[in-house]
């Protein structure tokens, strides 16, 4: 039940950070904070939905699903969080750099 939820939110998080990076590359200064917040929020909600999926397996006592899902999901989550944070930091840097350039 939760699989589409965490996948859709994960894709949304990366689409939002990609839109923010494009906006930074084009030098647009409006709304980048909202895109940054939305990207980080979608990433956090994606991880929350994946934890709810694991919780459902525990509640059902489905040990084979836990042994199958948890190791793969743990590796995927670590890489996704690292990539998401790095891309959001890059977007933040680009926007702050362009704002500093524009005010000077």
PDB file of N, CA and C in Angstrom:
ATOM      1  N   UNK A   1       0.813  -1.195   0.000  1.00  0.00           N
ATOM      2  CA  UNK A   1       0.000   0.000   0.000  1.00  0.00           C
ATOM      3  C   UNK A   1       0.863   1.268   0.000  1.00  0.00           C
ATOM      4  N   UNK A   2       1.978   1.249   0.700  1.00  0.00           N
ATOM      5  CA  UNK A   2       2.792   2.447   0.837  1.00  0.00           C
ATOM      6  C   UNK A   2       3.828   2.583  -0.277  1.00  0.00           C
ATOM      7  N   UNK A   3       4.052   1.547  -1.046  1.00  0.00           N
ATOM      8  CA  UNK A   3       5.094   1.594  -2.066  1.00  0.00           C
ATOM      9  C   UNK A   3       4.879   2.735  -3.051  1.00  0.00           C
ATOM     10  N   UNK A   4       3.686   2.894  -3.634  1.00  0.00           N
ATOM     11  CA  UNK A   4       3.518   4.027  -4.558  1.00  0.00           C
ATOM     12  C   UNK A   4       3.718   5.369  -3.859  1.00  0.00           C
ATOM     13  N   UNK A   5       3.342   5.444  -2.599  1.00  0.00           N
ATOM     14  CA  UNK A   5       3.465   6.699  -1.866  1.00  0.00           C
ATOM     15  C   UNK A   5       4.925   7.121  -1.743  1.00  0.00           C
ATOM     16  N   UNK A   6       5.798   6.232  -1.287  1.00  0.00           N
ATOM     17  CA  UNK A   6       7.190   6.654  -1.095  1.00  0.00           C
ATOM     18  C   UNK A   6       7.898   6.840  -2.421  1.00  0.00           C
ATOM     19  N   UNK A   7       7.508   6.081  -3.432  1.00  0.00           N
ATOM     20  CA  UNK A   7       8.127   6.268  -4.742  1.00  0.00           C
ATOM     21  C   UNK A   7       7.714   7.602  -5.363  1.00  0.00           C
ATOM     22  N   UNK A   8       6.431   7.918  -5.305  1.00  0.00           N
ATOM     23  CA  UNK A   8       5.951   9.181  -5.878  1.00  0.00           C
ATOM     24  C   UNK A   8       6.548  10.378  -5.150  1.00  0.00           C
ATOM     25  N   UNK A   9       6.607  10.314  -3.827  1.00  0.00           N
ATOM     26  CA  UNK A   9       7.183  11.418  -3.068  1.00  0.00           C
ATOM     27  C   UNK A   9       8.682  11.550  -3.330  1.00  0.00           C
ATOM     28  N   UNK A  10       9.366  10.433  -3.500  1.00  0.00           N
ATOM     29  CA  UNK A  10      10.786  10.471  -3.829  1.00  0.00           C
ATOM     30  C   UNK A  10      11.039  11.110  -5.181  1.00  0.00           C
ATOM     31  N   UNK A  11      10.235  10.715  -6.176  1.00  0.00           N
ATOM     32  CA  UNK A  11      10.362  11.329  -7.493  1.00  0.00           C
ATOM     33  C   UNK A  11      10.036  12.818  -7.438  1.00  0.00           C
ATOM     34  N   UNK A  12       9.015  13.178  -6.660  1.00  0.00           N
ATOM     35  CA  UNK A  12       8.641  14.588  -6.523  1.00  0.00           C
ATOM     36  C   UNK A  12       9.771  15.385  -5.884  1.00  0.00           C
ATOM     37  N   UNK A  13      10.439  14.805  -4.889  1.00  0.00           N
ATOM     38  CA  UNK A  13      11.546  15.503  -4.220  1.00  0.00           C
ATOM     39  C   UNK A  13      12.662  15.806  -5.215  1.00  0.00           C
ATOM     40  N   UNK A  14      13.018  14.837  -6.036  1.00  0.00           N
ATOM     41  CA  UNK A  14      14.093  15.063  -6.995  1.00  0.00           C
ATOM     42  C   UNK A  14      13.651  15.960  -8.154  1.00  0.00           C
ATOM     43  N   UNK A  15      12.383  15.893  -8.537  1.00  0.00           N
ATOM     44  CA  UNK A  15      11.891  16.802  -9.574  1.00  0.00           C
ATOM     45  C   UNK A  15      11.898  18.247  -9.072  1.00  0.00           C
ATOM     46  N   UNK A  16      11.533  18.445  -7.808  1.00  0.00           N
ATOM     47  CA  UNK A  16      11.527  19.795  -7.240  1.00  0.00           C
ATOM     48  C   UNK A  16      12.937  20.356  -7.118  1.00  0.00           C
ATOM     49  N   UNK A  17      13.896  19.528  -6.707  1.00  0.00           N
ATOM     50  CA  UNK A  17      15.271  20.035  -6.607  1.00  0.00           C
ATOM     51  C   UNK A  17      15.844  20.284  -8.000  1.00  0.00           C
ATOM     52  N   UNK A  18      15.448  19.480  -8.981  1.00  0.00           N
ATOM     53  CA  UNK A  18      15.899  19.730 -10.354  1.00  0.00           C
ATOM     54  C   UNK A  18      15.323  21.052 -10.866  1.00  0.00           C
ATOM     55  N   UNK A  19      14.060  21.309 -10.575  1.00  0.00           N
ATOM     56  CA  UNK A  19      13.453  22.590 -10.965  1.00  0.00           C
ATOM     57  C   UNK A  19      14.158  23.752 -10.275  1.00  0.00           C
ATOM     58  N   UNK A  20      14.542  23.560  -9.031  1.00  0.00           N
ATOM     59  CA  UNK A  20      15.254  24.604  -8.289  1.00  0.00           C
ATOM     60  C   UNK A  20      16.632  24.857  -8.886  1.00  0.00           C
ATOM     61  N   UNK A  21      17.328  23.799  -9.290  1.00  0.00           N
ATOM     62  CA  UNK A  21      18.637  23.958  -9.921  1.00  0.00           C
ATOM     63  C   UNK A  21      18.526  24.658 -11.269  1.00  0.00           C
ATOM     64  N   UNK A  22      17.498  24.334 -12.049  1.00  0.00           N
ATOM     65  CA  UNK A  22      17.286  25.008 -13.329  1.00  0.00           C
ATOM     66  C   UNK A  22      16.980  26.483 -13.092  1.00  0.00           C
ATOM     67  N   UNK A  23      16.162  26.756 -12.096  1.00  0.00           N
ATOM     68  CA  UNK A  23      15.831  28.133 -11.766  1.00  0.00           C
ATOM     69  C   UNK A  23      17.091  28.901 -11.344  1.00  0.00           C
ATOM     70  N   UNK A  24      17.966  28.257 -10.582  1.00  0.00           N
ATOM     71  CA  UNK A  24      19.217  28.899 -10.171  1.00  0.00           C
ATOM     72  C   UNK A  24      20.130  29.132 -11.363  1.00  0.00           C
ATOM     73  N   UNK A  25      20.177  28.170 -12.285  1.00  0.00           N
ATOM     74  CA  UNK A  25      21.025  28.314 -13.465  1.00  0.00           C
ATOM     75  C   UNK A  25      20.540  29.444 -14.370  1.00  0.00           C
ATOM     76  N   UNK A  26      19.241  29.670 -14.392  1.00  0.00           N
ATOM     77  CA  UNK A  26      18.681  30.742 -15.208  1.00  0.00           C
ATOM     78  C   UNK A  26      18.738  32.100 -14.511  1.00  0.00           C
ATOM     79  N   UNK A  27      19.121  32.091 -13.236  1.00  0.00           N
ATOM     80  CA  UNK A  27      19.260  33.338 -12.491  1.00  0.00           C
ATOM     81  C   UNK A  27      17.960  33.906 -11.959  1.00  0.00           C
ATOM     82  N   UNK A  28      16.922  33.097 -11.916  1.00  0.00           N
ATOM     83  CA  UNK A  28      15.646  33.559 -11.371  1.00  0.00           C
ATOM     84  C   UNK A  28      15.702  33.517  -9.850  1.00  0.00           C
ATOM     85  N   UNK A  29      15.222  34.573  -9.221  1.00  0.00           N
ATOM     86  CA  UNK A  29      15.365  34.695  -7.767  1.00  0.00           C
ATOM     87  C   UNK A  29      14.069  34.510  -6.999  1.00  0.00           C
ATOM     88  N   UNK A  30      12.962  34.314  -7.677  1.00  0.00           N
ATOM     89  CA  UNK A  30      11.687  34.219  -6.971  1.00  0.00           C
ATOM     90  C   UNK A  30      11.301  32.777  -6.693  1.00  0.00           C
ATOM     91  N   UNK A  31      10.877  32.500  -5.465  1.00  0.00           N
ATOM     92  CA  UNK A  31      10.292  31.220  -5.118  1.00  0.00           C
ATOM     93  C   UNK A  31      11.250  30.081  -4.869  1.00  0.00           C
ATOM     94  N   UNK A  32      12.546  30.339  -4.842  1.00  0.00           N
ATOM     95  CA  UNK A  32      13.476  29.227  -4.660  1.00  0.00           C
ATOM     96  C   UNK A  32      13.391  28.649  -3.254  1.00  0.00           C
ATOM     97  N   UNK A  33      13.037  29.473  -2.264  1.00  0.00           N
ATOM     98  CA  UNK A  33      12.920  28.962  -0.898  1.00  0.00           C
ATOM     99  C   UNK A  33      11.778  27.955  -0.793  1.00  0.00           C
ATOM    100  N   UNK A  34      10.676  28.240  -1.479  1.00  0.00           N
ATOM    101  CA  UNK A  34       9.538  27.321  -1.460  1.00  0.00           C
ATOM    102  C   UNK A  34       9.900  25.996  -2.133  1.00  0.00           C
ATOM    103  N   UNK A  35      10.632  26.059  -3.245  1.00  0.00           N
ATOM    104  CA  UNK A  35      11.061  24.821  -3.909  1.00  0.00           C
ATOM    105  C   UNK A  35      12.006  24.015  -3.023  1.00  0.00           C
ATOM    106  N   UNK A  36      12.911  24.696  -2.338  1.00  0.00           N
ATOM    107  CA  UNK A  36      13.841  24.014  -1.438  1.00  0.00           C
ATOM    108  C   UNK A  36      13.084  23.334  -0.305  1.00  0.00           C
ATOM    109  N   UNK A  37      12.143  24.055   0.298  1.00  0.00           N
ATOM    110  CA  UNK A  37      11.345  23.490   1.386  1.00  0.00           C
ATOM    111  C   UNK A  37      10.503  22.314   0.902  1.00  0.00           C
ATOM    112  N   UNK A  38       9.876  22.461  -0.262  1.00  0.00           N
ATOM    113  CA  UNK A  38       9.041  21.390  -0.801  1.00  0.00           C
ATOM    114  C   UNK A  38       9.865  20.147  -1.132  1.00  0.00           C
ATOM    115  N   UNK A  39      11.052  20.339  -1.659  1.00  0.00           N
ATOM    116  CA  UNK A  39      11.912  19.204  -1.979  1.00  0.00           C
ATOM    117  C   UNK A  39      12.326  18.452  -0.721  1.00  0.00           C
ATOM    118  N   UNK A  40      12.759  19.192   0.287  1.00  0.00           N
ATOM    119  CA  UNK A  40      13.155  18.540   1.541  1.00  0.00           C
ATOM    120  C   UNK A  40      11.963  17.880   2.228  1.00  0.00           C
ATOM    121  N   UNK A  41      10.793  18.508   2.152  1.00  0.00           N
ATOM    122  CA  UNK A  41       9.591  17.933   2.762  1.00  0.00           C
ATOM    123  C   UNK A  41       9.180  16.649   2.060  1.00  0.00           C
ATOM    124  N   UNK A  42       9.208  16.640   0.733  1.00  0.00           N
ATOM    125  CA  UNK A  42       8.868  15.415   0.002  1.00  0.00           C
ATOM    126  C   UNK A  42       9.854  14.293   0.309  1.00  0.00           C
ATOM    127  N   UNK A  43      11.124  14.638   0.466  1.00  0.00           N
ATOM    128  CA  UNK A  43      12.112  13.621   0.837  1.00  0.00           C
ATOM    129  C   UNK A  43      11.844  13.039   2.213  1.00  0.00           C
ATOM    130  N   UNK A  44      11.504  13.896   3.165  1.00  0.00           N
ATOM    131  CA  UNK A  44      11.198  13.417   4.519  1.00  0.00           C
ATOM    132  C   UNK A  44       9.930  12.573   4.533  1.00  0.00           C
ATOM    133  N   UNK A  45       8.907  12.999   3.804  1.00  0.00           N
ATOM    134  CA  UNK A  45       7.672  12.224   3.739  1.00  0.00           C
ATOM    135  C   UNK A  45       7.886  10.892   3.026  1.00  0.00           C
ATOM    136  N   UNK A  46       8.769  10.867   2.058  1.00  0.00           N
ATOM    137  CA  UNK A  46       9.092   9.617   1.369  1.00  0.00           C
ATOM    138  C   UNK A  46       9.703   8.602   2.336  1.00  0.00           C
ATOM    139  N   UNK A  47      10.640   9.068   3.153  1.00  0.00           N
ATOM    140  CA  UNK A  47      11.246   8.174   4.147  1.00  0.00           C
ATOM    141  C   UNK A  47      10.227   7.726   5.187  1.00  0.00           C
ATOM    142  N   UNK A  48       9.326   8.622   5.568  1.00  0.00           N
ATOM    143  CA  UNK A  48       8.289   8.262   6.533  1.00  0.00           C
ATOM    144  C   UNK A  48       7.375   7.184   5.962  1.00  0.00           C
ATOM    145  N   UNK A  49       6.995   7.306   4.699  1.00  0.00           N
ATOM    146  CA  UNK A  49       6.144   6.290   4.068  1.00  0.00           C
ATOM    147  C   UNK A  49       6.856   4.949   3.969  1.00  0.00           C
ATOM    148  N   UNK A  50       8.157   4.955   3.717  1.00  0.00           N
ATOM    149  CA  UNK A  50       8.881   3.680   3.657  1.00  0.00           C
ATOM    150  C   UNK A  50       8.949   3.036   5.041  1.00  0.00           C
ATOM    151  N   UNK A  51       9.066   3.840   6.077  1.00  0.00           N
ATOM    152  CA  UNK A  51       9.034   3.286   7.440  1.00  0.00           C
ATOM    153  C   UNK A  51       7.661   2.721   7.775  1.00  0.00           C
ATOM    154  N   UNK A  52       6.615   3.361   7.287  1.00  0.00           N
ATOM    155  CA  UNK A  52       5.269   2.831   7.511  1.00  0.00           C
ATOM    156  C   UNK A  52       5.074   1.502   6.794  1.00  0.00           C
ATOM    157  N   UNK A  53       5.710   1.340   5.637  1.00  0.00           N
ATOM    158  CA  UNK A  53       5.645   0.060   4.934  1.00  0.00           C
ATOM    159  C   UNK A  53       6.321  -1.036   5.766  1.00  0.00           C
ATOM    160  N   UNK A  54       7.476  -0.717   6.322  1.00  0.00           N
ATOM    161  CA  UNK A  54       8.182  -1.686   7.173  1.00  0.00           C
ATOM    162  C   UNK A  54       7.361  -2.003   8.410  1.00  0.00           C
ATOM    163  N   UNK A  55       6.733  -0.982   8.974  1.00  0.00           N
ATOM    164  CA  UNK A  55       5.885  -1.195  10.161  1.00  0.00           C
ATOM    165  C   UNK A  55       4.732  -2.141   9.841  1.00  0.00           C
ATOM    166  N   UNK A  56       4.166  -2.038   8.645  1.00  0.00           N
ATOM    167  CA  UNK A  56       3.080  -2.935   8.245  1.00  0.00           C
ATOM    168  C   UNK A  56       3.571  -4.373   8.141  1.00  0.00           C
ATOM    169  N   UNK A  57       4.784  -4.566   7.645  1.00  0.00           N
ATOM    170  CA  UNK A  57       5.344  -5.928   7.587  1.00  0.00           C
ATOM    171  C   UNK A  57       5.558  -6.485   8.993  1.00  0.00           C
ATOM    172  N   UNK A  58       6.011  -5.661   9.907  1.00  0.00           N
ATOM    173  CA  UNK A  58       6.223  -6.108  11.288  1.00  0.00           C
ATOM    174  C   UNK A  58       4.888  -6.466  11.926  1.00  0.00           C
ATOM    175  N   UNK A  59       3.883  -5.622  11.721  1.00  0.00           N
ATOM    176  CA  UNK A  59       2.563  -5.864  12.304  1.00  0.00           C
ATOM    177  C   UNK A  59       1.964  -7.169  11.787  1.00  0.00           C
ATOM    178  N   UNK A  60       2.199  -7.468  10.508  1.00  0.00           N
ATOM    179  CA  UNK A  60       1.678  -8.700   9.921  1.00  0.00           C
ATOM    180  C   UNK A  60       2.541  -9.915  10.249  1.00  0.00           C
ATOM    181  N   UNK A  61       3.730  -9.685  10.796  1.00  0.00           N
ATOM    182  CA  UNK A  61       4.624 -10.790  11.110  1.00  0.00           C
ATOM    183  C   UNK A  61       5.255 -11.402   9.876  1.00  0.00           C
ATOM    184  N   UNK A  62       5.425 -10.643   8.848  1.00  0.00           N
ATOM    185  CA  UNK A  62       5.967 -11.128   7.578  1.00  0.00           C
ATOM    186  C   UNK A  62       7.492 -10.989   7.583  1.00  0.00           C
ATOM    187  N   UNK A  63       8.158 -11.964   8.197  1.00  0.00           N
ATOM    188  CA  UNK A  63       9.612 -11.906   8.342  1.00  0.00           C
ATOM    189  C   UNK A  63      10.328 -12.014   6.995  1.00  0.00           C
ATOM    190  N   UNK A  64       9.790 -12.789   6.074  1.00  0.00           N
ATOM    191  CA  UNK A  64      10.452 -12.928   4.780  1.00  0.00           C
ATOM    192  C   UNK A  64      10.436 -11.598   4.019  1.00  0.00           C
ATOM    193  N   UNK A  65       9.352 -10.846   4.134  1.00  0.00           N
ATOM    194  CA  UNK A  65       9.302  -9.534   3.487  1.00  0.00           C
ATOM    195  C   UNK A  65      10.290  -8.578   4.136  1.00  0.00           C
ATOM    196  N   UNK A  66      10.409  -8.653   5.449  1.00  0.00           N
ATOM    197  CA  UNK A  66      11.381  -7.813   6.150  1.00  0.00           C
ATOM    198  C   UNK A  66      12.802  -8.133   5.709  1.00  0.00           C
ATOM    199  N   UNK A  67      13.118  -9.412   5.606  1.00  0.00           N
ATOM    200  CA  UNK A  67      14.465  -9.806   5.191  1.00  0.00           C
ATOM    201  C   UNK A  67      14.750  -9.405   3.750  1.00  0.00           C
ATOM    202  N   UNK A  68      13.714  -9.304   2.956  1.00  0.00           N
ATOM    203  CA  UNK A  68      13.880  -8.928   1.558  1.00  0.00           C
ATOM    204  C   UNK A  68      13.926  -7.405   1.377  1.00  0.00           C
ATOM    205  N   UNK A  69      13.054  -6.689   2.061  1.00  0.00           N
ATOM    206  CA  UNK A  69      12.872  -5.262   1.819  1.00  0.00           C
ATOM    207  C   UNK A  69      13.864  -4.391   2.585  1.00  0.00           C
ATOM    208  N   UNK A  70      14.083  -4.666   3.852  1.00  0.00           N
ATOM    209  CA  UNK A  70      14.852  -3.754   4.704  1.00  0.00           C
ATOM    210  C   UNK A  70      16.284  -3.533   4.212  1.00  0.00           C
ATOM    211  N   UNK A  71      17.054  -4.556   3.867  1.00  0.00           N
ATOM    212  CA  UNK A  71      18.422  -4.271   3.398  1.00  0.00           C
ATOM    213  C   UNK A  71      18.471  -3.424   2.130  1.00  0.00           C
ATOM    214  N   UNK A  72      17.612  -3.724   1.181  1.00  0.00           N
ATOM    215  CA  UNK A  72      17.598  -2.942  -0.062  1.00  0.00           C
ATOM    216  C   UNK A  72      17.114  -1.526   0.196  1.00  0.00           C
ATOM    217  N   UNK A  73      16.087  -1.373   1.011  1.00  0.00           N
ATOM    218  CA  UNK A  73      15.539  -0.051   1.298  1.00  0.00           C
ATOM    219  C   UNK A  73      16.511   0.798   2.105  1.00  0.00           C
ATOM    220  N   UNK A  74      17.273   0.171   2.978  1.00  0.00           N
ATOM    221  CA  UNK A  74      18.255   0.914   3.768  1.00  0.00           C
ATOM    222  C   UNK A  74      19.337   1.505   2.865  1.00  0.00           C
ATOM    223  N   UNK A  75      19.862   0.704   1.949  1.00  0.00           N
ATOM    224  CA  UNK A  75      20.887   1.198   1.021  1.00  0.00           C
ATOM    225  C   UNK A  75      20.327   2.296   0.123  1.00  0.00           C
ATOM    226  N   UNK A  76      19.130   2.072  -0.401  1.00  0.00           N
ATOM    227  CA  UNK A  76      18.495   3.054  -1.277  1.00  0.00           C
ATOM    228  C   UNK A  76      18.239   4.362  -0.526  1.00  0.00           C
ATOM    229  N   UNK A  77      17.784   4.265   0.706  1.00  0.00           N
ATOM    230  CA  UNK A  77      17.486   5.459   1.502  1.00  0.00           C
ATOM    231  C   UNK A  77      18.737   6.281   1.779  1.00  0.00           C
ATOM    232  N   UNK A  78      19.838   5.609   2.105  1.00  0.00           N
ATOM    233  CA  UNK A  78      21.081   6.327   2.381  1.00  0.00           C
ATOM    234  C   UNK A  78      21.537   7.094   1.152  1.00  0.00           C
ATOM    235  N   UNK A  79      21.545   6.439   0.000  1.00  0.00           N
ATOM    236  CA  UNK A  79      21.978   7.112  -1.228  1.00  0.00           C
ATOM    237  C   UNK A  79      21.024   8.231  -1.628  1.00  0.00           C
ATOM    238  N   UNK A  80      19.726   8.003  -1.470  1.00  0.00           N
ATOM    239  CA  UNK A  80      18.748   9.024  -1.845  1.00  0.00           C
ATOM    240  C   UNK A  80      18.852  10.251  -0.946  1.00  0.00           C
ATOM    241  N   UNK A  81      19.041  10.032   0.351  1.00  0.00           N
ATOM    242  CA  UNK A  81      19.165  11.162   1.280  1.00  0.00           C
ATOM    243  C   UNK A  81      20.451  11.942   0.991  1.00  0.00           C
ATOM    244  N   UNK A  82      21.554  11.235   0.786  1.00  0.00           N
ATOM    245  CA  UNK A  82      22.821  11.921   0.491  1.00  0.00           C
ATOM    246  C   UNK A  82      22.724  12.724  -0.799  1.00  0.00           C
ATOM    247  N   UNK A  83      22.155  12.143  -1.841  1.00  0.00           N
ATOM    248  CA  UNK A  83      22.005  12.843  -3.108  1.00  0.00           C
ATOM    249  C   UNK A  83      21.047  14.028  -2.978  1.00  0.00           C
ATOM    250  N   UNK A  84      19.945  13.831  -2.276  1.00  0.00           N
ATOM    251  CA  UNK A  84      18.981  14.909  -2.085  1.00  0.00           C
ATOM    252  C   UNK A  84      19.557  16.080  -1.313  1.00  0.00           C
ATOM    253  N   UNK A  85      20.273  15.791  -0.241  1.00  0.00           N
ATOM    254  CA  UNK A  85      20.887  16.860   0.548  1.00  0.00           C
ATOM    255  C   UNK A  85      21.953  17.585  -0.274  1.00  0.00           C
ATOM    256  N   UNK A  86      22.773  16.832  -0.997  1.00  0.00           N
ATOM    257  CA  UNK A  86      23.822  17.455  -1.812  1.00  0.00           C
ATOM    258  C   UNK A  86      23.223  18.356  -2.894  1.00  0.00           C
ATOM    259  N   UNK A  87      22.184  17.899  -3.567  1.00  0.00           N
ATOM    260  CA  UNK A  87      21.562  18.705  -4.612  1.00  0.00           C
ATOM    261  C   UNK A  87      20.876  19.939  -4.035  1.00  0.00           C
ATOM    262  N   UNK A  88      20.233  19.793  -2.876  1.00  0.00           N
ATOM    263  CA  UNK A  88      19.599  20.950  -2.246  1.00  0.00           C
ATOM    264  C   UNK A  88      20.640  21.947  -1.748  1.00  0.00           C
ATOM    265  N   UNK A  89      21.767  21.462  -1.245  1.00  0.00           N
ATOM    266  CA  UNK A  89      22.839  22.378  -0.841  1.00  0.00           C
ATOM    267  C   UNK A  89      23.423  23.103  -2.053  1.00  0.00           C
ATOM    268  N   UNK A  90      23.546  22.397  -3.176  1.00  0.00           N
ATOM    269  CA  UNK A  90      24.026  23.029  -4.395  1.00  0.00           C
ATOM    270  C   UNK A  90      23.062  24.125  -4.855  1.00  0.00           C
ATOM    271  N   UNK A  91      21.765  23.835  -4.811  1.00  0.00           N
ATOM    272  CA  UNK A  91      20.770  24.846  -5.193  1.00  0.00           C
ATOM    273  C   UNK A  91      20.822  26.037  -4.242  1.00  0.00           C
ATOM    274  N   UNK A  92      20.958  25.779  -2.950  1.00  0.00           N
ATOM    275  CA  UNK A  92      21.060  26.856  -1.963  1.00  0.00           C
ATOM    276  C   UNK A  92      22.287  27.711  -2.239  1.00  0.00           C
ATOM    277  N   UNK A  93      23.412  27.078  -2.492  1.00  0.00           N
ATOM    278  CA  UNK A  93      24.644  27.815  -2.789  1.00  0.00           C
ATOM    279  C   UNK A  93      24.489  28.675  -4.035  1.00  0.00           C
ATOM    280  N   UNK A  94      23.922  28.099  -5.096  1.00  0.00           N
ATOM    281  CA  UNK A  94      23.763  28.838  -6.347  1.00  0.00           C
ATOM    282  C   UNK A  94      22.850  30.054  -6.173  1.00  0.00           C
ATOM    283  N   UNK A  95      21.772  29.867  -5.435  1.00  0.00           N
ATOM    284  CA  UNK A  95      20.855  30.986  -5.221  1.00  0.00           C
ATOM    285  C   UNK A  95      21.490  32.066  -4.344  1.00  0.00           C
ATOM    286  N   UNK A  96      22.165  31.674  -3.279  1.00  0.00           N
ATOM    287  CA  UNK A  96      22.802  32.667  -2.416  1.00  0.00           C
ATOM    288  C   UNK A  96      23.929  33.386  -3.144  1.00  0.00           C
ATOM    289  N   UNK A  97      24.656  32.633  -3.968  1.00  0.00           N
ATOM    290  CA  UNK A  97      25.742  33.236  -4.755  1.00  0.00           C
ATOM    291  C   UNK A  97      25.194  34.250  -5.759  1.00  0.00           C
ATOM    292  N   UNK A  98      24.101  33.910  -6.431  1.00  0.00           N
ATOM    293  CA  UNK A  98      23.519  34.834  -7.411  1.00  0.00           C
ATOM    294  C   UNK A  98      22.902  36.050  -6.719  1.00  0.00           C
ATOM    295  N   UNK A  99      22.338  35.862  -5.521  1.00  0.00           N
ATOM    296  CA  UNK A  99      21.789  37.012  -4.783  1.00  0.00           C
ATOM    297  C   UNK A  99      22.913  37.950  -4.339  1.00  0.00           C
ATOM    298  N   UNK A 100      24.023  37.380  -3.906  1.00  0.00           N
ATOM    299  CA  UNK A 100      25.158  38.198  -3.481  1.00  0.00           C
ATOM    300  C   UNK A 100      25.733  38.947  -4.675  1.00  0.00           C
ATOM    301  N   UNK A 101      25.778  38.294  -5.820  1.00  0.00           N
ATOM    302  CA  UNK A 101      26.277  38.915  -7.044  1.00  0.00           C
ATOM    303  C   UNK A 101      25.363  40.051  -7.481  1.00  0.00           C
ATOM    304  N   UNK A 102      24.053  39.816  -7.387  1.00  0.00           N
ATOM    305  CA  UNK A 102      23.091  40.809  -7.829  1.00  0.00           C
ATOM    306  C   UNK A 102      23.037  42.039  -6.944  1.00  0.00           C
ATOM    307  N   UNK A 103      23.339  41.893  -5.657  1.00  0.00           N
ATOM    308  CA  UNK A 103      23.280  43.044  -4.752  1.00  0.00           C
ATOM    309  C   UNK A 103      24.566  43.851  -4.773  1.00  0.00           C
ATOM    310  N   UNK A 104      25.648  43.265  -5.300  1.00  0.00           N
ATOM    311  CA  UNK A 104      26.946  43.976  -5.317  1.00  0.00           C
ATOM    312  C   UNK A 104      27.086  44.909  -6.483  1.00  0.00           C
TER     313      UNK A 104
END
